[in-house]
Amino acid sequence: MSTRLPDSPKVRGGQVLYLDYDGVLHHERVYRHPKKGIYISAAPQFTLFQHAGLLGELLRPYPSVRIVLSTSWVRTLGLRRAASYLPDELRSRVIGATFHSRMSKSDFSDMPRGQQVYEDYLRRAPSQVLAIDDDENGWPPFLREHLVVTDNVHGISEPQVLEGLTRTLAAVFGTSSGGRS
């Protein structure tokens, strides 16, 4: 008989990065249309996942860091399809999402983002954790200390956010000589 909890993730422990998409890896104004598909409703200089390569570069010195998707894309598209939008260097790190199919979409959607991450944190029990999100709502104090809040237009590329993220990655996941130059 298995002692595994019903909602227990396949991968527990380790170094985990909770990752939102909209307002983090690209502009926050992302919509889904039956004919157009997923698109950004902002100036033409903004493209989907325009900062994903930058995040991949920032994570290179930390090969043990795994990604848990904390984006609404998972509720809409499912984990595999949502992860498929990421470049290989990030997609290969994805081990799950804060939302999974045994959850009620409406109950989950009613929770603030911080609470969604907290619920997953309790199930996954990472040894080290960091979250990147443009939503500051509902984060418990101890997780709030491990949250990098992004600019909802420029995401992680905004200079102060980028500097803070670089510093926080080193502080949470360990320093490395192979950092960004």
Protein backbone atom coordinates (compact mmCIF):
# COMPACT_ATOMS: atom_id res chain seq x y z
CA MET A 1 0.00 0.00 0.00
CA SER A 2 1.37 3.42 -1.00
CA THR A 3 1.86 6.16 1.56
CA ARG A 4 1.97 8.82 -1.16
CA LEU A 5 -0.50 11.64 -0.59
CA PRO A 6 -3.09 12.01 -3.37
CA ASP A 7 -1.87 15.45 -4.41
CA SER A 8 1.81 14.83 -3.75
CA PRO A 9 4.04 15.99 -6.61
CA LYS A 10 6.29 13.51 -8.41
CA VAL A 11 9.40 15.52 -7.50
CA ARG A 12 9.80 16.73 -3.91
CA GLY A 13 12.54 18.69 -2.19
CA GLY A 14 15.47 20.30 -3.99
CA GLN A 15 15.87 23.80 -5.36
CA VAL A 16 12.63 25.18 -6.82
CA LEU A 17 11.86 28.31 -8.80
CA TYR A 18 8.16 29.20 -9.04
CA LEU A 19 7.70 30.91 -12.40
CA ASP A 20 4.86 33.05 -13.71
CA TYR A 21 4.78 34.00 -17.41
CA ASP A 22 2.73 37.17 -17.94
CA GLY A 23 4.50 40.24 -16.57
CA VAL A 24 7.64 38.15 -16.01
CA LEU A 25 8.83 36.64 -19.30
CA HIS A 26 6.86 39.13 -21.42
CA HIS A 27 4.35 41.99 -21.14
CA GLU A 28 1.35 41.30 -18.89
CA ARG A 29 -1.30 41.98 -21.58
CA VAL A 30 -1.65 38.47 -22.93
CA TYR A 31 -4.92 37.15 -24.33
CA ARG A 32 -6.21 33.96 -25.89
CA HIS A 33 -8.49 34.12 -28.92
CA PRO A 34 -10.10 31.09 -30.61
CA LYS A 35 -8.73 32.13 -34.03
CA LYS A 36 -5.65 34.24 -33.19
CA GLY A 37 -4.38 31.95 -30.47
CA ILE A 38 -2.30 33.48 -27.69
CA TYR A 39 -1.13 37.03 -28.34
CA ILE A 40 0.10 40.21 -26.63
CA SER A 41 -2.12 43.27 -26.87
CA ALA A 42 0.63 45.86 -26.52
CA ALA A 43 3.09 47.79 -28.67
CA PRO A 44 4.87 45.74 -31.36
CA GLN A 45 8.20 45.74 -29.49
CA PHE A 46 6.64 43.29 -27.01
CA THR A 47 6.62 39.61 -27.97
CA LEU A 48 5.66 36.44 -26.17
CA PHE A 49 8.51 35.01 -24.09
CA GLN A 50 10.90 37.77 -25.14
CA HIS A 51 12.76 37.45 -21.80
CA ALA A 52 12.85 33.64 -21.61
CA GLY A 53 16.40 33.55 -23.00
CA LEU A 54 17.49 36.02 -20.34
CA LEU A 55 16.06 33.79 -17.61
CA GLY A 56 17.83 30.79 -19.13
CA GLU A 57 21.10 32.71 -19.02
CA LEU A 58 20.53 33.73 -15.40
CA LEU A 59 19.81 30.12 -14.37
CA ARG A 60 22.83 28.54 -16.14
CA PRO A 61 25.08 28.83 -13.07
CA TYR A 62 22.43 26.94 -11.06
CA PRO A 63 21.90 23.61 -12.86
CA SER A 64 20.07 22.02 -9.90
CA VAL A 65 17.26 24.58 -9.92
CA ARG A 66 13.97 23.09 -11.14
CA ILE A 67 10.96 25.11 -12.30
CA VAL A 68 7.38 24.85 -11.08
CA LEU A 69 5.01 26.83 -13.27
CA SER A 70 2.81 29.22 -11.30
CA THR A 71 1.11 30.70 -14.35
CA SER A 72 -2.55 30.76 -15.34
CA TRP A 73 -1.43 29.24 -18.65
CA VAL A 74 -1.41 25.81 -16.97
CA ARG A 75 -5.10 26.05 -15.99
CA THR A 76 -5.98 27.00 -19.56
CA LEU A 77 -3.62 24.82 -21.61
CA GLY A 78 -2.40 22.08 -19.27
CA LEU A 79 1.15 21.60 -18.01
CA ARG A 80 2.74 20.08 -21.10
CA ARG A 81 1.32 22.60 -23.54
CA ALA A 82 2.09 25.57 -21.25
CA ALA A 83 5.67 24.34 -20.79
CA SER A 84 6.05 23.81 -24.56
CA TYR A 85 6.21 27.58 -25.06
CA LEU A 86 9.47 27.76 -23.10
CA PRO A 87 12.86 27.36 -24.78
CA ASP A 88 14.49 23.93 -24.24
CA GLU A 89 16.90 25.20 -21.58
CA LEU A 90 13.94 26.22 -19.37
CA ARG A 91 11.45 23.53 -20.42
CA SER A 92 13.89 20.78 -19.41
CA ARG A 93 13.85 22.16 -15.85
CA VAL A 94 10.04 22.08 -15.46
CA ILE A 95 8.91 19.50 -12.89
CA GLY A 96 5.30 20.54 -12.41
CA ALA A 97 2.88 23.35 -11.72
CA THR A 98 1.02 24.86 -8.81
CA PHE A 99 -2.22 23.79 -10.53
CA HIS A 100 -2.93 20.18 -11.41
CA SER A 101 -5.88 18.32 -12.90
CA ARG A 102 -7.28 17.05 -9.58
CA MET A 103 -7.88 20.62 -8.42
CA SER A 104 -11.00 22.69 -8.92
CA LYS A 105 -10.17 25.40 -11.48
CA SER A 106 -12.58 27.87 -9.90
CA ASP A 107 -11.37 27.28 -6.32
CA PHE A 108 -7.76 27.55 -7.46
CA SER A 109 -8.47 30.73 -9.47
CA ASP A 110 -10.11 32.32 -6.43
CA MET A 111 -6.88 31.97 -4.40
CA PRO A 112 -4.31 34.78 -4.52
CA ARG A 113 -1.11 33.78 -6.34
CA GLY A 114 0.89 33.68 -3.13
CA GLN A 115 -1.56 31.19 -1.63
CA GLN A 116 -1.39 29.02 -4.78
CA VAL A 117 2.40 28.88 -4.47
CA TYR A 118 2.20 28.27 -0.72
CA GLU A 119 -0.11 25.26 -1.21
CA ASP A 120 2.36 23.76 -3.70
CA TYR A 121 5.30 24.61 -1.44
CA LEU A 122 3.67 22.57 1.35
CA ARG A 123 3.18 19.57 -0.98
CA ARG A 124 6.57 19.80 -2.69
CA ALA A 125 8.69 20.72 0.38
CA PRO A 126 11.63 22.29 -1.49
CA SER A 127 14.87 22.78 0.41
CA GLN A 128 15.40 26.16 -1.28
CA VAL A 129 12.77 28.29 -2.99
CA LEU A 130 12.46 31.41 -5.09
CA ALA A 131 9.44 32.83 -6.91
CA ILE A 132 9.35 35.29 -9.80
CA ASP A 133 5.98 36.96 -10.25
CA ASP A 134 4.34 40.31 -10.94
CA ASP A 135 1.54 39.51 -8.47
CA GLU A 136 2.32 40.41 -4.85
CA ASN A 137 -1.01 39.24 -3.39
CA GLY A 138 -1.39 36.64 -0.69
CA TRP A 139 2.25 35.69 -0.11
CA PRO A 140 2.99 34.38 3.40
CA PRO A 141 5.84 36.39 5.01
CA PHE A 142 8.47 33.64 4.75
CA LEU A 143 7.72 33.12 1.04
CA ARG A 144 7.46 36.86 0.43
CA GLU A 145 11.14 37.04 1.41
CA HIS A 146 11.85 34.71 -1.53
CA LEU A 147 9.74 36.58 -4.10
CA VAL A 148 11.19 38.74 -6.85
CA VAL A 149 8.42 41.07 -7.97
CA THR A 150 8.70 42.04 -11.62
CA ASP A 151 7.61 45.04 -13.64
CA ASN A 152 4.40 43.95 -15.40
CA VAL A 153 5.46 45.59 -18.68
CA HIS A 154 9.19 44.85 -18.86
CA GLY A 155 9.23 41.72 -16.69
CA ILE A 156 12.63 40.51 -15.56
CA SER A 157 14.40 42.79 -18.06
CA GLU A 158 13.63 45.96 -16.10
CA PRO A 159 17.10 47.00 -14.81
CA GLN A 160 16.28 47.12 -11.07
CA VAL A 161 14.36 43.84 -11.27
CA LEU A 162 17.20 42.19 -13.20
CA GLU A 163 19.75 43.36 -10.64
CA GLY A 164 17.57 42.15 -7.75
CA LEU A 165 16.90 38.81 -9.44
CA THR A 166 20.61 38.23 -10.10
CA ARG A 167 21.41 38.99 -6.46
CA THR A 168 18.55 36.88 -5.12
CA LEU A 169 19.43 33.85 -7.28
CA ALA A 170 22.95 33.91 -5.82
CA ALA A 171 21.68 34.38 -2.27
CA VAL A 172 19.07 31.60 -2.45
CA PHE A 173 20.74 29.03 -4.70
CA GLY A 174 24.41 29.72 -3.98
CA THR A 175 27.07 31.81 -5.56
CA SER A 176 28.81 30.75 -8.72
CA SER A 177 31.77 32.02 -10.70
CA GLY A 178 29.82 31.35 -13.90
CA GLY A 179 27.39 34.21 -13.34
CA ARG A 180 26.10 36.74 -15.86
CA SER A 181 28.59 39.36 -17.01
